[in-house]
Amino acid sequence: MLALPATAMGFALSVQISALSWLLSTKYGLSIEEVGLVWAAGPIAGIFGQVIFGVLSDNTWFWGGRRRPFIILG
């Protein structure tokens, strides 16, 4: 009973991924490899973005603290 929300979220995510993959391959004419690159772009950008902003926040000095400007700006 406790796993039902996780099951529903997994089902919704799989429907979304399959629908968008179909759309990318039919309407935009992307190959399966290119669809894979589209799906990989977000996590890859996240990996590099976290490292870049981590280095920036470690080297930032602000009167309210090192992390405060990044927290305020979102």
N, C-alpha and C. Protein backbone atom coordinates (compact mmCIF):
# COMPACT_ATOMS: atom_id res chain seq x y z
N MET A 1 0.82 -1.19 0.00
CA MET A 1 0.00 0.00 0.00
C MET A 1 0.87 1.27 0.00
N LEU A 2 1.99 1.21 0.71
CA LEU A 2 2.86 2.37 0.77
C LEU A 2 3.59 2.63 -0.55
N ALA A 3 3.70 1.63 -1.39
CA ALA A 3 4.44 1.77 -2.65
C ALA A 3 3.57 2.29 -3.79
N LEU A 4 2.28 2.46 -3.57
CA LEU A 4 1.41 2.90 -4.66
C LEU A 4 1.77 4.28 -5.22
N PRO A 5 2.10 5.28 -4.39
CA PRO A 5 2.50 6.57 -4.99
C PRO A 5 3.76 6.46 -5.84
N ALA A 6 4.73 5.68 -5.39
CA ALA A 6 5.95 5.50 -6.18
C ALA A 6 5.65 4.77 -7.49
N THR A 7 4.75 3.82 -7.44
CA THR A 7 4.36 3.10 -8.65
C THR A 7 3.67 4.04 -9.64
N ALA A 8 2.80 4.88 -9.13
CA ALA A 8 2.10 5.84 -9.99
C ALA A 8 3.07 6.82 -10.62
N MET A 9 4.04 7.30 -9.84
CA MET A 9 5.03 8.23 -10.39
C MET A 9 5.89 7.56 -11.45
N GLY A 10 6.28 6.32 -11.22
CA GLY A 10 7.05 5.58 -12.21
C GLY A 10 6.27 5.35 -13.49
N PHE A 11 5.00 5.04 -13.35
CA PHE A 11 4.14 4.85 -14.52
C PHE A 11 4.00 6.15 -15.30
N ALA A 12 3.77 7.26 -14.60
CA ALA A 12 3.61 8.55 -15.27
C ALA A 12 4.90 8.96 -15.98
N LEU A 13 6.04 8.71 -15.36
CA LEU A 13 7.32 9.05 -15.98
C LEU A 13 7.57 8.19 -17.22
N SER A 14 7.23 6.91 -17.16
CA SER A 14 7.45 6.06 -18.33
C SER A 14 6.55 6.45 -19.49
N VAL A 15 5.32 6.86 -19.20
CA VAL A 15 4.42 7.34 -20.25
C VAL A 15 4.97 8.62 -20.88
N GLN A 16 5.46 9.52 -20.04
CA GLN A 16 6.01 10.78 -20.54
C GLN A 16 7.25 10.53 -21.40
N ILE A 17 8.13 9.67 -20.96
CA ILE A 17 9.35 9.38 -21.73
C ILE A 17 9.01 8.72 -23.06
N SER A 18 8.11 7.76 -23.05
CA SER A 18 7.77 7.09 -24.31
C SER A 18 7.06 8.04 -25.27
N ALA A 19 6.18 8.89 -24.76
CA ALA A 19 5.47 9.83 -25.63
C ALA A 19 6.43 10.85 -26.24
N LEU A 20 7.34 11.38 -25.43
CA LEU A 20 8.28 12.37 -25.95
C LEU A 20 9.28 11.73 -26.90
N SER A 21 9.72 10.52 -26.60
CA SER A 21 10.63 9.83 -27.51
C SER A 21 9.97 9.58 -28.86
N TRP A 22 8.71 9.18 -28.84
CA TRP A 22 7.96 8.98 -30.08
C TRP A 22 7.84 10.29 -30.85
N LEU A 23 7.55 11.37 -30.15
CA LEU A 23 7.41 12.68 -30.79
C LEU A 23 8.73 13.12 -31.41
N LEU A 24 9.83 12.94 -30.68
CA LEU A 24 11.13 13.33 -31.22
C LEU A 24 11.51 12.51 -32.45
N SER A 25 11.15 11.24 -32.46
CA SER A 25 11.55 10.41 -33.60
C SER A 25 10.62 10.57 -34.80
N THR A 26 9.33 10.82 -34.58
CA THR A 26 8.41 10.92 -35.72
C THR A 26 8.31 12.35 -36.25
N LYS A 27 8.02 13.29 -35.40
CA LYS A 27 7.80 14.66 -35.87
C LYS A 27 9.10 15.36 -36.24
N TYR A 28 10.14 15.15 -35.43
CA TYR A 28 11.40 15.84 -35.67
C TYR A 28 12.42 14.98 -36.42
N GLY A 29 12.10 13.73 -36.65
CA GLY A 29 12.95 12.86 -37.46
C GLY A 29 14.29 12.50 -36.84
N LEU A 30 14.37 12.46 -35.52
CA LEU A 30 15.63 12.10 -34.88
C LEU A 30 15.79 10.59 -34.84
N SER A 31 17.04 10.15 -34.98
CA SER A 31 17.32 8.72 -34.85
C SER A 31 17.30 8.33 -33.37
N ILE A 32 17.36 7.05 -33.10
CA ILE A 32 17.30 6.58 -31.71
C ILE A 32 18.52 7.06 -30.92
N GLU A 33 19.67 7.18 -31.59
CA GLU A 33 20.87 7.69 -30.91
C GLU A 33 20.70 9.16 -30.55
N GLU A 34 20.10 9.93 -31.45
CA GLU A 34 19.88 11.35 -31.18
C GLU A 34 18.84 11.56 -30.08
N VAL A 35 17.84 10.70 -30.02
CA VAL A 35 16.86 10.78 -28.93
C VAL A 35 17.56 10.49 -27.61
N GLY A 36 18.47 9.53 -27.61
CA GLY A 36 19.26 9.24 -26.41
C GLY A 36 20.10 10.42 -25.97
N LEU A 37 20.67 11.14 -26.94
CA LEU A 37 21.45 12.33 -26.60
C LEU A 37 20.56 13.42 -26.01
N VAL A 38 19.35 13.55 -26.52
CA VAL A 38 18.41 14.53 -25.97
C VAL A 38 18.11 14.19 -24.51
N TRP A 39 17.86 12.91 -24.22
CA TRP A 39 17.56 12.50 -22.85
C TRP A 39 18.78 12.62 -21.95
N ALA A 40 19.99 12.49 -22.49
CA ALA A 40 21.20 12.58 -21.68
C ALA A 40 21.65 14.02 -21.46
N ALA A 41 21.15 14.96 -22.25
CA ALA A 41 21.62 16.35 -22.16
C ALA A 41 21.34 16.97 -20.79
N GLY A 42 20.19 16.71 -20.21
CA GLY A 42 19.85 17.28 -18.91
C GLY A 42 20.76 16.81 -17.79
N PRO A 43 20.94 15.50 -17.61
CA PRO A 43 21.85 15.05 -16.56
C PRO A 43 23.30 15.48 -16.77
N ILE A 44 23.75 15.50 -18.02
CA ILE A 44 25.12 15.94 -18.29
C ILE A 44 25.28 17.42 -17.94
N ALA A 45 24.30 18.24 -18.31
CA ALA A 45 24.35 19.66 -17.95
C ALA A 45 24.31 19.84 -16.44
N GLY A 46 23.56 19.00 -15.75
CA GLY A 46 23.50 19.06 -14.30
C GLY A 46 24.83 18.73 -13.65
N ILE A 47 25.52 17.74 -14.18
CA ILE A 47 26.83 17.37 -13.64
C ILE A 47 27.80 18.54 -13.76
N PHE A 48 27.90 19.12 -14.94
CA PHE A 48 28.84 20.23 -15.14
C PHE A 48 28.39 21.48 -14.40
N GLY A 49 27.09 21.75 -14.39
CA GLY A 49 26.58 22.94 -13.71
C GLY A 49 26.83 22.90 -12.22
N GLN A 50 26.67 21.74 -11.59
CA GLN A 50 26.91 21.63 -10.16
C GLN A 50 28.37 21.87 -9.82
N VAL A 51 29.27 21.36 -10.65
CA VAL A 51 30.69 21.56 -10.41
C VAL A 51 31.06 23.03 -10.57
N ILE A 52 30.56 23.65 -11.64
CA ILE A 52 30.88 25.06 -11.89
C ILE A 52 30.36 25.95 -10.78
N PHE A 53 29.09 25.77 -10.39
CA PHE A 53 28.54 26.61 -9.33
C PHE A 53 29.14 26.28 -7.97
N GLY A 54 29.58 25.05 -7.76
CA GLY A 54 30.28 24.71 -6.52
C GLY A 54 31.60 25.44 -6.40
N VAL A 55 32.36 25.48 -7.48
CA VAL A 55 33.63 26.21 -7.48
C VAL A 55 33.39 27.70 -7.29
N LEU A 56 32.39 28.24 -7.99
CA LEU A 56 32.07 29.66 -7.84
C LEU A 56 31.66 30.00 -6.41
N SER A 57 30.83 29.17 -5.81
CA SER A 57 30.37 29.47 -4.46
C SER A 57 31.48 29.30 -3.43
N ASP A 58 32.42 28.40 -3.68
CA ASP A 58 33.54 28.23 -2.76
C ASP A 58 34.49 29.42 -2.81
N ASN A 59 34.57 30.08 -3.95
CA ASN A 59 35.49 31.21 -4.10
C ASN A 59 34.82 32.56 -3.96
N THR A 60 33.57 32.60 -3.55
CA THR A 60 32.83 33.85 -3.41
C THR A 60 32.87 34.32 -1.97
N TRP A 61 33.10 35.61 -1.78
CA TRP A 61 33.01 36.20 -0.45
C TRP A 61 31.87 37.20 -0.47
N PHE A 62 30.99 37.10 0.52
CA PHE A 62 29.84 37.98 0.63
C PHE A 62 29.60 38.21 2.10
N TRP A 63 29.14 39.40 2.47
CA TRP A 63 28.97 39.71 3.89
C TRP A 63 27.97 38.80 4.58
N GLY A 64 27.07 38.20 3.84
CA GLY A 64 26.08 37.31 4.44
C GLY A 64 26.50 35.85 4.43
N GLY A 65 27.63 35.55 3.85
CA GLY A 65 28.10 34.17 3.76
C GLY A 65 28.41 33.80 2.33
N ARG A 66 29.12 32.69 2.18
CA ARG A 66 29.55 32.29 0.84
C ARG A 66 28.39 31.81 -0.03
N ARG A 67 27.44 31.13 0.55
CA ARG A 67 26.36 30.53 -0.24
C ARG A 67 25.15 31.45 -0.41
N ARG A 68 25.06 32.48 0.40
CA ARG A 68 23.86 33.33 0.41
C ARG A 68 23.52 33.93 -0.95
N PRO A 69 24.46 34.49 -1.73
CA PRO A 69 24.07 35.04 -3.04
C PRO A 69 23.46 33.99 -3.97
N PHE A 70 23.95 32.77 -3.90
CA PHE A 70 23.44 31.71 -4.76
C PHE A 70 22.07 31.23 -4.29
N ILE A 71 21.85 31.24 -2.99
CA ILE A 71 20.54 30.86 -2.46
C ILE A 71 19.51 31.93 -2.80
N ILE A 72 19.89 33.20 -2.68
CA ILE A 72 18.96 34.29 -2.97
C ILE A 72 18.60 34.32 -4.45
N LEU A 73 19.59 34.12 -5.32
CA LEU A 73 19.34 34.17 -6.76
C LEU A 73 18.66 32.92 -7.28
N GLY A 74 18.65 31.88 -6.49
CA GLY A 74 17.88 30.69 -6.85
C GLY A 74 18.66 29.64 -7.51
